[in-house]
Amino acid sequence: FSGVCGDEFSVLRSPQSVIFRDGSWPIPGERIPDVAALTMGFSVEEDLPWPGLAVGDLFHRPRATVLITVKGVDKLALPVKGFSYPIENAVPLSLDSVANAIHTLFSEETPVVLQLAPSEERVYMVGKANSVFEDLSVTLRQLRNRLFQDNSILSSLPLNSLSRNNEVDLLFLSELQVLHDIVSLLSRHKHLAKDHSPDLYFLELSGLEEVGKRYGEDSQQFKDASQILVDSLQKFADEMFNLYGRNAVVEVVSVKEFNSPLIRKTRSILQSSQSEKENPYNLAYPYNYNYSVIFNIILWMMIGLALAVIVISYNLWNMDPGYDSIIYRMTNQKIRMD
């Protein structure tokens, strides 16, 4: 695997119904969302030939899946009791397909779906997440104000070389505050963790990356921030695992740098027509799983309409106007009466 780098996919917590195998098998970065879907019992468009995930109990799926992306570091000193796998071709992650599957299959039960990137002020809530996390700080101003409240993590977290007066340090600490607040708010609605609909949490943390850019990766601040992050992630994983009755999957993706960032591609109208084609081998576009369904609907509908036209045309052609048409019958009776 030439594309394998130091990036890592780690499983901090998983129930007995989800079986992860211990090994150093590289996992493609673009297939990580498929791993999350398979652990929740959903189907994927393409088979996943990755030996790290085995078939578990299909009748006892996890009640929640938590996926945390940590930017700026390729490996975290996580506890050895979990499972870790190298990532091949790390790309930006998106769990929109998993969220759509949950929303489609469990729309009546309104599951909890939360996707949050604190440093970028991106938040996406579906179902009961709007009521559970309505007090969650999502903007940078709210995060800063939340840190300086009485019950924030600053009163109990050892900062070591980090400072309360530095904006970069506060951004990193605010992301840890979000982890603490998610557990705190969810603990007030424990009944949601016991329903039949699965929940999804997807968090993107980039505060450690900013600390590395500000102080350098060899600095004491970066080392302290990494250790604080590891401890916070492990505590968060244990608390979420216990809230869902030890039936939740908590995964962490640590990525130094994405290989293909989401950049909008543009093309000039003066560009030469001799540029390389996007599809040099003239291959057909891939079909999704709905293709066969739509094809059969259209095919049999056209066959049915064609048969209906043939039967109607045959009956009209062989119709006797004197006996089969009510118009001619009424006309003949009227002539006879006259």
C-alpha atoms as a PDB file:
ATOM      1  CA  PHE A   1       0.000   0.000   0.000  1.00  0.00           C
ATOM      2  CA  SER A   2       1.970   2.969  -1.243  1.00  0.00           C
ATOM      3  CA  GLY A   3      -0.667   5.446  -0.071  1.00  0.00           C
ATOM      4  CA  VAL A   4      -0.507   4.422   3.594  1.00  0.00           C
ATOM      5  CA  CYS A   5       0.718   7.220   5.831  1.00  0.00           C
ATOM      6  CA  GLY A   6       0.867   7.831   9.563  1.00  0.00           C
ATOM      7  CA  ASP A   7      -2.836   8.742   9.841  1.00  0.00           C
ATOM      8  CA  GLU A   8      -4.809   6.437  12.083  1.00  0.00           C
ATOM      9  CA  PHE A   9      -8.349   5.143  12.585  1.00  0.00           C
ATOM     10  CA  SER A  10      -8.947   4.079  16.190  1.00  0.00           C
ATOM     11  CA  VAL A  11     -11.845   2.389  17.956  1.00  0.00           C
ATOM     12  CA  LEU A  12     -12.032   3.491  21.579  1.00  0.00           C
ATOM     13  CA  ARG A  13     -15.242   1.727  22.546  1.00  0.00           C
ATOM     14  CA  SER A  14     -17.435  -0.891  20.876  1.00  0.00           C
ATOM     15  CA  PRO A  15     -20.119  -3.316  22.116  1.00  0.00           C
ATOM     16  CA  GLN A  16     -19.925  -7.080  21.806  1.00  0.00           C
ATOM     17  CA  SER A  17     -22.296  -7.015  18.830  1.00  0.00           C
ATOM     18  CA  VAL A  18     -19.652  -5.165  16.767  1.00  0.00           C
ATOM     19  CA  ILE A  19     -16.495  -7.194  16.182  1.00  0.00           C
ATOM     20  CA  PHE A  20     -13.266  -5.394  15.292  1.00  0.00           C
ATOM     21  CA  ARG A  21     -10.238  -7.589  14.654  1.00  0.00           C
ATOM     22  CA  ASP A  22      -6.820  -6.775  15.959  1.00  0.00           C
ATOM     23  CA  GLY A  23      -4.440  -6.174  13.079  1.00  0.00           C
ATOM     24  CA  SER A  24      -2.604  -3.566  11.052  1.00  0.00           C
ATOM     25  CA  TRP A  25      -4.837  -3.689   7.969  1.00  0.00           C
ATOM     26  CA  PRO A  26      -4.913  -0.320   6.172  1.00  0.00           C
ATOM     27  CA  ILE A  27      -8.390   1.115   5.722  1.00  0.00           C
ATOM     28  CA  PRO A  28      -9.167   3.395   2.749  1.00  0.00           C
ATOM     29  CA  GLY A  29     -10.057   6.856   3.964  1.00  0.00           C
ATOM     30  CA  GLU A  30     -13.086   7.116   1.695  1.00  0.00           C
ATOM     31  CA  ARG A  31     -14.551   3.899   3.149  1.00  0.00           C
ATOM     32  CA  ILE A  32     -14.593   5.026   6.788  1.00  0.00           C
ATOM     33  CA  PRO A  33     -18.233   6.223   6.452  1.00  0.00           C
ATOM     34  CA  ASP A  34     -19.092   2.735   5.147  1.00  0.00           C
ATOM     35  CA  VAL A  35     -17.573   1.237   8.296  1.00  0.00           C
ATOM     36  CA  ALA A  36     -19.837   3.465  10.381  1.00  0.00           C
ATOM     37  CA  ALA A  37     -22.849   2.401   8.297  1.00  0.00           C
ATOM     38  CA  LEU A  38     -22.052  -1.308   8.551  1.00  0.00           C
ATOM     39  CA  THR A  39     -21.559  -1.181  12.309  1.00  0.00           C
ATOM     40  CA  MET A  40     -25.049   0.341  12.587  1.00  0.00           C
ATOM     41  CA  GLY A  41     -26.554  -2.430  10.445  1.00  0.00           C
ATOM     42  CA  PHE A  42     -27.059  -0.394   7.253  1.00  0.00           C
ATOM     43  CA  SER A  43     -26.171  -1.595   3.787  1.00  0.00           C
ATOM     44  CA  VAL A  44     -23.607   0.100   1.549  1.00  0.00           C
ATOM     45  CA  GLU A  45     -23.480   0.424  -2.211  1.00  0.00           C
ATOM     46  CA  GLU A  46     -20.191  -1.468  -2.580  1.00  0.00           C
ATOM     47  CA  ASP A  47     -18.830  -4.369  -0.574  1.00  0.00           C
ATOM     48  CA  LEU A  48     -16.114  -3.515   1.937  1.00  0.00           C
ATOM     49  CA  PRO A  49     -13.237  -6.012   1.567  1.00  0.00           C
ATOM     50  CA  TRP A  50     -11.577  -4.871   4.787  1.00  0.00           C
ATOM     51  CA  PRO A  51     -10.735  -7.652   7.280  1.00  0.00           C
ATOM     52  CA  GLY A  52     -10.722  -5.331  10.282  1.00  0.00           C
ATOM     53  CA  LEU A  53     -14.521  -5.516  10.661  1.00  0.00           C
ATOM     54  CA  ALA A  54     -16.173  -8.903  11.133  1.00  0.00           C
ATOM     55  CA  VAL A  55     -19.840  -9.880  11.000  1.00  0.00           C
ATOM     56  CA  GLY A  56     -21.415  -9.409  14.418  1.00  0.00           C
ATOM     57  CA  ASP A  57     -24.857  -9.913  15.878  1.00  0.00           C
ATOM     58  CA  LEU A  58     -27.297  -8.575  13.291  1.00  0.00           C
ATOM     59  CA  PHE A  59     -30.182  -8.437  15.770  1.00  0.00           C
ATOM     60  CA  HIS A  60     -28.413  -6.275  18.356  1.00  0.00           C
ATOM     61  CA  ARG A  61     -27.050  -3.228  16.605  1.00  0.00           C
ATOM     62  CA  PRO A  62     -25.395  -0.323  18.478  1.00  0.00           C
ATOM     63  CA  ARG A  63     -27.679   2.385  19.771  1.00  0.00           C
ATOM     64  CA  ALA A  64     -25.210   5.105  18.800  1.00  0.00           C
ATOM     65  CA  THR A  65     -22.132   5.726  16.689  1.00  0.00           C
ATOM     66  CA  VAL A  66     -19.703   8.493  17.611  1.00  0.00           C
ATOM     67  CA  LEU A  67     -16.996   9.476  15.111  1.00  0.00           C
ATOM     68  CA  ILE A  68     -14.466  12.159  16.035  1.00  0.00           C
ATOM     69  CA  THR A  69     -11.994  13.603  13.547  1.00  0.00           C
ATOM     70  CA  VAL A  70      -8.847  15.165  15.019  1.00  0.00           C
ATOM     71  CA  LYS A  71      -6.855  17.313  12.607  1.00  0.00           C
ATOM     72  CA  GLY A  72      -3.214  18.227  12.879  1.00  0.00           C
ATOM     73  CA  VAL A  73      -1.790  14.962  14.227  1.00  0.00           C
ATOM     74  CA  ASP A  74      -1.306  11.616  12.535  1.00  0.00           C
ATOM     75  CA  LYS A  75      -1.372   9.536  15.714  1.00  0.00           C
ATOM     76  CA  LEU A  76      -2.585   9.971  19.262  1.00  0.00           C
ATOM     77  CA  ALA A  77      -1.289   8.107  22.309  1.00  0.00           C
ATOM     78  CA  LEU A  78      -4.622   6.389  22.876  1.00  0.00           C
ATOM     79  CA  PRO A  79      -5.040   3.475  25.324  1.00  0.00           C
ATOM     80  CA  VAL A  80      -3.903   0.089  24.063  1.00  0.00           C
ATOM     81  CA  LYS A  81      -7.221  -1.563  24.946  1.00  0.00           C
ATOM     82  CA  GLY A  82      -8.787  -0.254  21.732  1.00  0.00           C
ATOM     83  CA  PHE A  83      -8.093  -1.037  18.090  1.00  0.00           C
ATOM     84  CA  SER A  84      -6.061   1.104  15.699  1.00  0.00           C
ATOM     85  CA  TYR A  85      -5.615   0.834  11.944  1.00  0.00           C
ATOM     86  CA  PRO A  86      -3.542   2.894   9.492  1.00  0.00           C
ATOM     87  CA  ILE A  87      -5.440   4.995   6.988  1.00  0.00           C
ATOM     88  CA  GLU A  88      -4.766   4.779   3.300  1.00  0.00           C
ATOM     89  CA  ASN A  89      -5.466   7.967   1.330  1.00  0.00           C
ATOM     90  CA  ALA A  90      -6.955  10.192   4.036  1.00  0.00           C
ATOM     91  CA  VAL A  91      -9.730  12.326   2.543  1.00  0.00           C
ATOM     92  CA  PRO A  92     -12.284  14.680   4.145  1.00  0.00           C
ATOM     93  CA  LEU A  93     -15.010  12.634   5.806  1.00  0.00           C
ATOM     94  CA  SER A  94     -18.736  13.035   5.444  1.00  0.00           C
ATOM     95  CA  LEU A  95     -21.434  11.022   7.205  1.00  0.00           C
ATOM     96  CA  ASP A  96     -24.304  12.552   5.256  1.00  0.00           C
ATOM     97  CA  SER A  97     -25.202   9.183   3.732  1.00  0.00           C
ATOM     98  CA  VAL A  98     -25.424   7.584   7.182  1.00  0.00           C
ATOM     99  CA  ALA A  99     -27.466  10.506   8.518  1.00  0.00           C
ATOM    100  CA  ASN A 100     -29.860  10.272   5.557  1.00  0.00           C
ATOM    101  CA  ALA A 101     -30.283   6.531   6.097  1.00  0.00           C
ATOM    102  CA  ILE A 102     -31.132   7.077   9.764  1.00  0.00           C
ATOM    103  CA  HIS A 103     -33.543   9.881   8.955  1.00  0.00           C
ATOM    104  CA  THR A 104     -35.252   7.793   6.262  1.00  0.00           C
ATOM    105  CA  LEU A 105     -35.596   4.530   8.187  1.00  0.00           C
ATOM    106  CA  PHE A 106     -36.431   6.064  11.571  1.00  0.00           C
ATOM    107  CA  SER A 107     -38.220   9.275  10.620  1.00  0.00           C
ATOM    108  CA  GLU A 108     -41.188   8.561  12.885  1.00  0.00           C
ATOM    109  CA  GLU A 109     -39.004   7.967  15.946  1.00  0.00           C
ATOM    110  CA  THR A 110     -36.916  11.149  15.370  1.00  0.00           C
ATOM    111  CA  PRO A 111     -33.428   9.867  16.291  1.00  0.00           C
ATOM    112  CA  VAL A 112     -30.601  12.110  17.478  1.00  0.00           C
ATOM    113  CA  VAL A 113     -28.227  13.150  14.681  1.00  0.00           C
ATOM    114  CA  LEU A 114     -25.550  15.724  15.518  1.00  0.00           C
ATOM    115  CA  GLN A 115     -22.725  16.856  13.226  1.00  0.00           C
ATOM    116  CA  LEU A 116     -20.560  19.634  14.598  1.00  0.00           C
ATOM    117  CA  ALA A 117     -17.323  21.424  13.731  1.00  0.00           C
ATOM    118  CA  PRO A 118     -16.840  24.031  16.499  1.00  0.00           C
ATOM    119  CA  SER A 119     -13.873  25.911  15.016  1.00  0.00           C
ATOM    120  CA  GLU A 120     -15.691  26.353  11.684  1.00  0.00           C
ATOM    121  CA  GLU A 121     -19.085  27.084  13.291  1.00  0.00           C
ATOM    122  CA  ARG A 122     -20.734  24.286  11.319  1.00  0.00           C
ATOM    123  CA  VAL A 123     -23.583  22.446  12.987  1.00  0.00           C
ATOM    124  CA  TYR A 124     -26.218  20.031  11.680  1.00  0.00           C
ATOM    125  CA  MET A 125     -28.972  18.643  13.897  1.00  0.00           C
ATOM    126  CA  VAL A 126     -31.794  16.282  12.993  1.00  0.00           C
ATOM    127  CA  GLY A 127     -34.628  14.863  15.042  1.00  0.00           C
ATOM    128  CA  LYS A 128     -34.561  15.218  18.799  1.00  0.00           C
ATOM    129  CA  ALA A 129     -31.070  16.705  18.697  1.00  0.00           C
ATOM    130  CA  ASN A 130     -32.685  20.121  18.202  1.00  0.00           C
ATOM    131  CA  SER A 131     -34.332  19.910  21.625  1.00  0.00           C
ATOM    132  CA  VAL A 132     -31.538  18.046  23.436  1.00  0.00           C
ATOM    133  CA  PHE A 133     -28.687  20.312  22.294  1.00  0.00           C
ATOM    134  CA  GLU A 134     -30.538  23.602  21.968  1.00  0.00           C
ATOM    135  CA  ASP A 135     -28.272  25.092  24.679  1.00  0.00           C
ATOM    136  CA  LEU A 136     -25.061  23.795  23.113  1.00  0.00           C
ATOM    137  CA  SER A 137     -22.511  26.471  22.210  1.00  0.00           C
ATOM    138  CA  VAL A 138     -21.866  26.368  18.460  1.00  0.00           C
ATOM    139  CA  THR A 139     -20.413  29.773  17.532  1.00  0.00           C
ATOM    140  CA  LEU A 140     -16.959  31.037  18.498  1.00  0.00           C
ATOM    141  CA  ARG A 141     -18.440  33.810  20.610  1.00  0.00           C
ATOM    142  CA  GLN A 142     -20.638  31.346  22.484  1.00  0.00           C
ATOM    143  CA  LEU A 143     -17.721  28.981  22.996  1.00  0.00           C
ATOM    144  CA  ARG A 144     -15.527  31.723  24.436  1.00  0.00           C
ATOM    145  CA  ASN A 145     -18.257  32.870  26.811  1.00  0.00           C
ATOM    146  CA  ARG A 146     -18.933  29.283  27.842  1.00  0.00           C
ATOM    147  CA  LEU A 147     -15.296  28.775  28.898  1.00  0.00           C
ATOM    148  CA  PHE A 148     -15.443  31.612  31.390  1.00  0.00           C
ATOM    149  CA  GLN A 149     -18.562  30.425  33.163  1.00  0.00           C
ATOM    150  CA  ASP A 150     -18.373  28.931  36.624  1.00  0.00           C
ATOM    151  CA  ASN A 151     -19.022  25.325  35.596  1.00  0.00           C
ATOM    152  CA  SER A 152     -16.597  25.214  32.655  1.00  0.00           C
ATOM    153  CA  ILE A 153     -13.672  22.836  32.279  1.00  0.00           C
ATOM    154  CA  LEU A 154     -11.171  25.602  33.095  1.00  0.00           C
ATOM    155  CA  SER A 155     -11.925  25.149  36.777  1.00  0.00           C
ATOM    156  CA  SER A 156     -10.973  21.454  36.755  1.00  0.00           C
ATOM    157  CA  LEU A 157      -8.687  20.903  33.770  1.00  0.00           C
ATOM    158  CA  PRO A 158      -4.903  21.182  34.280  1.00  0.00           C
ATOM    159  CA  LEU A 159      -3.734  23.637  31.629  1.00  0.00           C
ATOM    160  CA  ASN A 160       0.011  23.128  32.212  1.00  0.00           C
ATOM    161  CA  SER A 161       1.745  25.271  29.569  1.00  0.00           C
ATOM    162  CA  LEU A 162      -1.482  26.437  27.910  1.00  0.00           C
ATOM    163  CA  SER A 163      -2.750  29.928  28.591  1.00  0.00           C
ATOM    164  CA  ARG A 164      -6.213  31.366  29.143  1.00  0.00           C
ATOM    165  CA  ASN A 165      -5.202  34.601  27.426  1.00  0.00           C
ATOM    166  CA  ASN A 166      -4.251  33.110  24.067  1.00  0.00           C
ATOM    167  CA  GLU A 167      -6.911  32.798  21.382  1.00  0.00           C
ATOM    168  CA  VAL A 168      -5.426  29.593  19.939  1.00  0.00           C
ATOM    169  CA  ASP A 169      -5.385  27.925  23.343  1.00  0.00           C
ATOM    170  CA  LEU A 170      -8.962  29.030  24.010  1.00  0.00           C
ATOM    171  CA  LEU A 171     -10.075  27.564  20.686  1.00  0.00           C
ATOM    172  CA  PHE A 172      -8.543  24.218  21.615  1.00  0.00           C
ATOM    173  CA  LEU A 173     -10.096  24.294  25.094  1.00  0.00           C
ATOM    174  CA  SER A 174     -13.501  25.290  23.717  1.00  0.00           C
ATOM    175  CA  GLU A 175     -13.635  22.088  21.668  1.00  0.00           C
ATOM    176  CA  LEU A 176     -13.017  20.082  24.836  1.00  0.00           C
ATOM    177  CA  GLN A 177     -15.795  22.086  26.463  1.00  0.00           C
ATOM    178  CA  VAL A 178     -18.127  20.966  23.659  1.00  0.00           C
ATOM    179  CA  LEU A 179     -17.342  17.330  24.424  1.00  0.00           C
ATOM    180  CA  HIS A 180     -18.139  17.922  28.082  1.00  0.00           C
ATOM    181  CA  ASP A 181     -21.395  19.754  27.294  1.00  0.00           C
ATOM    182  CA  ILE A 182     -22.622  17.043  24.920  1.00  0.00           C
ATOM    183  CA  VAL A 183     -22.369  14.454  27.675  1.00  0.00           C
ATOM    184  CA  SER A 184     -23.908  16.825  30.215  1.00  0.00           C
ATOM    185  CA  LEU A 185     -26.900  17.687  28.025  1.00  0.00           C
ATOM    186  CA  LEU A 186     -27.457  14.107  26.928  1.00  0.00           C
ATOM    187  CA  SER A 187     -27.411  12.880  30.524  1.00  0.00           C
ATOM    188  CA  ARG A 188     -30.534  14.993  31.126  1.00  0.00           C
ATOM    189  CA  HIS A 189     -32.360  13.023  28.426  1.00  0.00           C
ATOM    190  CA  LYS A 190     -31.256   9.482  29.205  1.00  0.00           C
ATOM    191  CA  HIS A 191     -34.506   8.080  27.830  1.00  0.00           C
ATOM    192  CA  LEU A 192     -33.350   8.968  24.298  1.00  0.00           C
ATOM    193  CA  ALA A 193     -30.400   6.609  24.704  1.00  0.00           C
ATOM    194  CA  LYS A 194     -32.762   3.707  25.412  1.00  0.00           C
ATOM    195  CA  ASP A 195     -35.116   3.973  22.430  1.00  0.00           C
ATOM    196  CA  HIS A 196     -34.980   1.760  19.340  1.00  0.00           C
ATOM    197  CA  SER A 197     -33.681   4.370  16.898  1.00  0.00           C
ATOM    198  CA  PRO A 198     -29.879   4.649  16.487  1.00  0.00           C
ATOM    199  CA  ASP A 199     -28.152   7.982  17.100  1.00  0.00           C
ATOM    200  CA  LEU A 200     -25.214   9.505  15.235  1.00  0.00           C
ATOM    201  CA  TYR A 201     -22.552  11.964  16.420  1.00  0.00           C
ATOM    202  CA  PHE A 202     -19.881  13.343  14.087  1.00  0.00           C
ATOM    203  CA  LEU A 203     -17.429  15.878  15.519  1.00  0.00           C
ATOM    204  CA  GLU A 204     -14.502  17.613  13.812  1.00  0.00           C
ATOM    205  CA  LEU A 205     -11.785  18.974  16.120  1.00  0.00           C
ATOM    206  CA  SER A 206      -9.081  21.218  14.674  1.00  0.00           C
ATOM    207  CA  GLY A 207      -7.919  23.046  17.789  1.00  0.00           C
ATOM    208  CA  LEU A 208      -4.839  20.840  18.161  1.00  0.00           C
ATOM    209  CA  GLU A 209      -3.840  21.684  14.601  1.00  0.00           C
ATOM    210  CA  GLU A 210      -3.960  25.393  15.407  1.00  0.00           C
ATOM    211  CA  VAL A 211      -1.851  24.830  18.532  1.00  0.00           C
ATOM    212  CA  GLY A 212       0.760  23.059  16.390  1.00  0.00           C
ATOM    213  CA  LYS A 213       0.814  25.915  13.902  1.00  0.00           C
ATOM    214  CA  ARG A 214       1.112  28.509  16.661  1.00  0.00           C
ATOM    215  CA  TYR A 215       3.809  26.938  18.855  1.00  0.00           C
ATOM    216  CA  GLY A 216       5.252  24.147  16.700  1.00  0.00           C
ATOM    217  CA  GLU A 217       4.838  20.421  17.043  1.00  0.00           C
ATOM    218  CA  ASP A 218       7.970  20.110  19.192  1.00  0.00           C
ATOM    219  CA  SER A 219       6.779  22.686  21.700  1.00  0.00           C
ATOM    220  CA  GLN A 220       5.667  21.909  25.233  1.00  0.00           C
ATOM    221  CA  GLN A 221       2.288  23.474  24.505  1.00  0.00           C
ATOM    222  CA  PHE A 222       1.621  21.004  21.703  1.00  0.00           C
ATOM    223  CA  LYS A 223       2.669  18.045  23.873  1.00  0.00           C
ATOM    224  CA  ASP A 224       0.459  19.183  26.750  1.00  0.00           C
ATOM    225  CA  ALA A 225      -2.463  19.821  24.420  1.00  0.00           C
ATOM    226  CA  SER A 226      -2.090  16.342  22.891  1.00  0.00           C
ATOM    227  CA  GLN A 227      -2.117  14.694  26.312  1.00  0.00           C
ATOM    228  CA  ILE A 228      -5.112  16.739  27.458  1.00  0.00           C
ATOM    229  CA  LEU A 229      -6.952  15.825  24.267  1.00  0.00           C
ATOM    230  CA  VAL A 230      -6.255  12.109  24.697  1.00  0.00           C
ATOM    231  CA  ASP A 231      -7.530  12.166  28.276  1.00  0.00           C
ATOM    232  CA  SER A 232     -10.628  14.121  27.264  1.00  0.00           C
ATOM    233  CA  LEU A 233     -11.390  11.791  24.369  1.00  0.00           C
ATOM    234  CA  GLN A 234     -11.085   8.709  26.539  1.00  0.00           C
ATOM    235  CA  LYS A 235     -13.316  10.238  29.214  1.00  0.00           C
ATOM    236  CA  PHE A 236     -15.841  11.293  26.578  1.00  0.00           C
ATOM    237  CA  ALA A 237     -15.837   7.801  25.050  1.00  0.00           C
ATOM    238  CA  ASP A 238     -16.383   6.130  28.428  1.00  0.00           C
ATOM    239  CA  GLU A 239     -19.228   8.466  29.352  1.00  0.00           C
ATOM    240  CA  MET A 240     -21.014   8.077  26.010  1.00  0.00           C
ATOM    241  CA  PHE A 241     -20.520   4.321  26.170  1.00  0.00           C
ATOM    242  CA  ASN A 242     -22.116   4.176  29.620  1.00  0.00           C
ATOM    243  CA  LEU A 243     -24.980   6.538  28.704  1.00  0.00           C
ATOM    244  CA  TYR A 244     -26.031   4.168  25.925  1.00  0.00           C
ATOM    245  CA  GLY A 245     -25.930   1.137  28.164  1.00  0.00           C
ATOM    246  CA  ARG A 246     -22.525  -0.047  26.919  1.00  0.00           C
ATOM    247  CA  ASN A 247     -23.980  -0.332  23.431  1.00  0.00           C
ATOM    248  CA  ALA A 248     -22.257   2.422  21.454  1.00  0.00           C
ATOM    249  CA  VAL A 249     -19.315   2.634  19.071  1.00  0.00           C
ATOM    250  CA  VAL A 250     -16.809   5.467  19.622  1.00  0.00           C
ATOM    251  CA  GLU A 251     -14.211   5.970  16.894  1.00  0.00           C
ATOM    252  CA  VAL A 252     -11.438   8.522  16.406  1.00  0.00           C
ATOM    253  CA  VAL A 253      -9.778   9.500  13.129  1.00  0.00           C
ATOM    254  CA  SER A 254      -6.478  11.347  13.567  1.00  0.00           C
ATOM    255  CA  VAL A 255      -5.287  12.987  10.355  1.00  0.00           C
ATOM    256  CA  LYS A 256      -2.192  15.088   9.871  1.00  0.00           C
ATOM    257  CA  GLU A 257      -3.331  16.525   6.564  1.00  0.00           C
ATOM    258  CA  PHE A 258      -5.972  15.518   4.066  1.00  0.00           C
ATOM    259  CA  ASN A 259      -4.671  14.382   0.692  1.00  0.00           C
ATOM    260  CA  SER A 260      -7.465  15.904  -1.372  1.00  0.00           C
ATOM    261  CA  PRO A 261      -9.034  18.911   0.326  1.00  0.00           C
ATOM    262  CA  LEU A 262     -12.411  20.153  -0.847  1.00  0.00           C
ATOM    263  CA  ILE A 263     -11.393  22.820  -3.345  1.00  0.00           C
ATOM    264  CA  ARG A 264     -13.725  24.150  -5.981  1.00  0.00           C
ATOM    265  CA  LYS A 265     -12.361  23.491  -9.458  1.00  0.00           C
ATOM    266  CA  THR A 266     -12.863  26.108 -12.173  1.00  0.00           C
ATOM    267  CA  ARG A 267     -12.182  26.114 -15.870  1.00  0.00           C
ATOM    268  CA  SER A 268     -11.358  29.063 -18.077  1.00  0.00           C
ATOM    269  CA  ILE A 269     -13.284  29.565 -21.305  1.00  0.00           C
ATOM    270  CA  LEU A 270      -9.925  30.156 -22.982  1.00  0.00           C
ATOM    271  CA  GLN A 271      -8.596  26.774 -21.915  1.00  0.00           C
ATOM    272  CA  SER A 272      -7.207  24.688 -24.726  1.00  0.00           C
ATOM    273  CA  SER A 273      -9.502  22.009 -26.114  1.00  0.00           C
ATOM    274  CA  GLN A 274      -6.570  19.588 -26.100  1.00  0.00           C
ATOM    275  CA  SER A 275      -6.657  19.234 -22.319  1.00  0.00           C
ATOM    276  CA  GLU A 276      -6.932  15.797 -20.837  1.00  0.00           C
ATOM    277  CA  LYS A 277     -10.383  14.286 -20.623  1.00  0.00           C
ATOM    278  CA  GLU A 278     -11.894  13.518 -17.249  1.00  0.00           C
ATOM    279  CA  ASN A 279     -12.653  10.003 -18.499  1.00  0.00           C
ATOM    280  CA  PRO A 280      -9.834   9.031 -20.881  1.00  0.00           C
ATOM    281  CA  TYR A 281     -11.014   5.418 -21.235  1.00  0.00           C
ATOM    282  CA  ASN A 282     -14.606   6.359 -22.116  1.00  0.00           C
ATOM    283  CA  LEU A 283     -16.039   4.241 -19.312  1.00  0.00           C
ATOM    284  CA  ALA A 284     -19.719   4.258 -18.457  1.00  0.00           C
ATOM    285  CA  TYR A 285     -20.776   6.070 -15.312  1.00  0.00           C
ATOM    286  CA  PRO A 286     -21.394   3.812 -12.284  1.00  0.00           C
ATOM    287  CA  TYR A 287     -24.975   2.804 -11.503  1.00  0.00           C
ATOM    288  CA  ASN A 288     -26.370   2.989  -8.012  1.00  0.00           C
ATOM    289  CA  TYR A 289     -28.633   0.465  -6.307  1.00  0.00           C
ATOM    290  CA  ASN A 290     -31.811   2.266  -7.479  1.00  0.00           C
ATOM    291  CA  TYR A 291     -31.053   1.656 -11.145  1.00  0.00           C
ATOM    292  CA  SER A 292     -32.615  -1.826 -11.323  1.00  0.00           C
ATOM    293  CA  VAL A 293     -35.765  -0.659  -9.536  1.00  0.00           C
ATOM    294  CA  ILE A 294     -36.318   2.312 -11.841  1.00  0.00           C
ATOM    295  CA  PHE A 295     -35.507   0.204 -14.902  1.00  0.00           C
ATOM    296  CA  ASN A 296     -38.125  -2.434 -14.023  1.00  0.00           C
ATOM    297  CA  ILE A 297     -40.783   0.178 -13.264  1.00  0.00           C
ATOM    298  CA  ILE A 298     -40.308   1.911 -16.615  1.00  0.00           C
ATOM    299  CA  LEU A 299     -39.988  -1.362 -18.559  1.00  0.00           C
ATOM    300  CA  TRP A 300     -43.171  -3.041 -17.299  1.00  0.00           C
ATOM    301  CA  MET A 301     -45.147   0.193 -17.442  1.00  0.00           C
ATOM    302  CA  MET A 302     -44.260   0.596 -21.128  1.00  0.00           C
ATOM    303  CA  ILE A 303     -45.115  -3.056 -21.823  1.00  0.00           C
ATOM    304  CA  GLY A 304     -48.467  -2.653 -20.056  1.00  0.00           C
ATOM    305  CA  LEU A 305     -49.315   0.511 -21.975  1.00  0.00           C
ATOM    306  CA  ALA A 306     -48.333  -1.114 -25.278  1.00  0.00           C
ATOM    307  CA  LEU A 307     -50.570  -4.146 -24.590  1.00  0.00           C
ATOM    308  CA  ALA A 308     -53.450  -1.865 -23.586  1.00  0.00           C
ATOM    309  CA  VAL A 309     -53.158   0.103 -26.837  1.00  0.00           C
ATOM    310  CA  ILE A 310     -53.083  -3.133 -28.881  1.00  0.00           C
ATOM    311  CA  VAL A 311     -56.168  -4.597 -27.165  1.00  0.00           C
ATOM    312  CA  ILE A 312     -58.160  -1.361 -27.462  1.00  0.00           C
ATOM    313  CA  SER A 313     -57.196  -0.925 -31.116  1.00  0.00           C
ATOM    314  CA  TYR A 314     -58.168  -4.540 -31.930  1.00  0.00           C
ATOM    315  CA  ASN A 315     -61.578  -4.184 -30.287  1.00  0.00           C
ATOM    316  CA  LEU A 316     -62.267  -0.908 -32.067  1.00  0.00           C
ATOM    317  CA  TRP A 317     -61.282  -2.392 -35.438  1.00  0.00           C
ATOM    318  CA  ASN A 318     -63.579  -5.411 -35.068  1.00  0.00           C
ATOM    319  CA  MET A 319     -66.505  -3.549 -33.540  1.00  0.00           C
ATOM    320  CA  ASP A 320     -69.953  -3.873 -35.175  1.00  0.00           C
ATOM    321  CA  PRO A 321     -71.505  -0.398 -35.206  1.00  0.00           C
ATOM    322  CA  GLY A 322     -75.024  -1.810 -35.377  1.00  0.00           C
ATOM    323  CA  TYR A 323     -74.769  -3.954 -32.271  1.00  0.00           C
ATOM    324  CA  ASP A 324     -71.750  -2.781 -30.267  1.00  0.00           C
ATOM    325  CA  SER A 325     -72.294   0.981 -30.411  1.00  0.00           C
ATOM    326  CA  ILE A 326     -75.040   2.596 -28.385  1.00  0.00           C
ATOM    327  CA  ILE A 327     -75.069   5.559 -30.737  1.00  0.00           C
ATOM    328  CA  TYR A 328     -76.179   3.492 -33.742  1.00  0.00           C
ATOM    329  CA  ARG A 329     -78.680   1.546 -31.639  1.00  0.00           C
ATOM    330  CA  MET A 330     -80.467   4.728 -30.530  1.00  0.00           C
ATOM    331  CA  THR A 331     -80.399   6.050 -34.103  1.00  0.00           C
ATOM    332  CA  ASN A 332     -82.017   2.889 -35.498  1.00  0.00           C
ATOM    333  CA  GLN A 333     -84.773   2.885 -32.896  1.00  0.00           C
ATOM    334  CA  LYS A 334     -85.567   6.520 -33.594  1.00  0.00           C
ATOM    335  CA  ILE A 335     -85.801   5.864 -37.344  1.00  0.00           C
ATOM    336  CA  ARG A 336     -88.163   2.940 -36.776  1.00  0.00           C
ATOM    337  CA  MET A 337     -90.438   5.060 -34.530  1.00  0.00           C
ATOM    338  CA  ASP A 338     -90.652   7.753 -37.181  1.00  0.00           C
END
